[in-house]
Amino acid sequence: MAVEVELRCTESFGKLLGKLFHSGMPLAVDPDNLAELPCADCKRRLRQQGRPVRFVLHRYNAIGELVDTSIVE
């Protein structure tokens, strides 16, 4: 049975950024094995606040938890 995990921005009203699919077997969550997705809404919001932002990258673990957000200026 395949399991689908949605990766959503926590700042942009839950906007869907991507999906992960896995076999449904129990997962070992490795802190170094992260999905990194750019978020255009967060970038736009920060630019409107006057910050010179090039990228906002959200990082998620294998079970879809937001682990980190990086702002690249």
Protein backbone atom coordinates (compact mmCIF):
# COMPACT_ATOMS: atom_id res chain seq x y z
CA MET A 1 0.00 0.00 0.00
CA ALA A 2 1.54 3.29 -1.11
CA VAL A 3 1.46 6.26 1.24
CA GLU A 4 1.29 9.84 0.00
CA VAL A 5 2.71 12.63 2.19
CA GLU A 6 1.84 16.22 1.29
CA LEU A 7 4.47 18.90 1.87
CA ARG A 8 2.79 22.20 2.69
CA CYS A 9 4.08 25.65 3.57
CA THR A 10 3.24 26.52 7.16
CA GLU A 11 3.36 30.26 6.42
CA SER A 12 1.31 30.47 3.20
CA PHE A 13 -2.08 29.15 4.30
CA GLY A 14 -0.99 25.54 3.79
CA LYS A 15 -0.08 25.90 0.10
CA LEU A 16 0.92 22.55 -1.38
CA LEU A 17 4.60 22.56 -2.41
CA GLY A 18 5.02 18.90 -3.28
CA LYS A 19 4.26 15.29 -2.43
CA LEU A 20 6.35 12.34 -1.28
CA PHE A 21 5.32 8.77 -1.98
CA HIS A 22 6.60 5.71 -0.15
CA SER A 23 5.68 2.06 0.20
CA GLY A 24 3.95 2.40 3.55
CA MET A 25 6.62 0.46 5.42
CA PRO A 26 7.78 2.05 8.69
CA LEU A 27 10.29 4.81 7.97
CA ALA A 28 13.45 5.66 9.81
CA VAL A 29 13.58 9.45 9.76
CA ASP A 30 17.15 10.39 8.88
CA PRO A 31 17.94 14.04 9.76
CA ASP A 32 20.26 14.28 6.74
CA ASN A 33 17.74 12.95 4.22
CA LEU A 34 15.52 15.97 3.59
CA ALA A 35 13.35 17.19 0.73
CA GLU A 36 14.16 20.84 0.00
CA LEU A 37 11.47 22.87 -1.77
CA PRO A 38 11.43 26.55 -2.77
CA CYS A 39 8.45 28.64 -1.67
CA ALA A 40 7.49 31.53 -3.93
CA ASP A 41 4.84 32.84 -1.50
CA CYS A 42 7.31 33.21 1.37
CA LYS A 43 9.83 34.84 -0.97
CA ARG A 44 7.21 37.32 -2.15
CA ARG A 45 6.10 38.09 1.42
CA LEU A 46 9.67 38.81 2.55
CA ARG A 47 10.36 40.97 -0.51
CA GLN A 48 7.25 43.01 0.26
CA GLN A 49 8.74 43.57 3.72
CA GLY A 50 11.84 45.02 2.04
CA ARG A 51 14.24 42.08 2.34
CA PRO A 52 16.46 41.29 -0.69
CA VAL A 53 15.50 37.59 -0.90
CA ARG A 54 16.58 35.28 -3.73
CA PHE A 55 15.07 32.03 -2.38
CA VAL A 56 13.14 30.68 0.57
CA LEU A 57 13.75 26.96 0.97
CA HIS A 58 11.63 24.75 3.21
CA ARG A 59 13.14 21.40 4.24
CA TYR A 60 10.95 18.41 5.14
CA ASN A 61 11.77 14.97 6.49
CA ALA A 62 10.40 11.71 5.05
CA ILE A 63 7.17 11.89 7.06
CA GLY A 64 6.35 15.43 5.93
CA GLU A 65 7.42 17.42 8.99
CA LEU A 66 8.93 20.84 8.37
CA VAL A 67 12.48 20.64 9.73
CA ASP A 68 14.02 23.93 8.66
CA THR A 69 13.56 27.01 6.53
CA SER A 70 16.48 28.81 4.90
CA ILE A 71 16.39 32.31 3.46
CA VAL A 72 18.95 32.95 0.74
CA GLU A 73 19.64 36.63 0.18
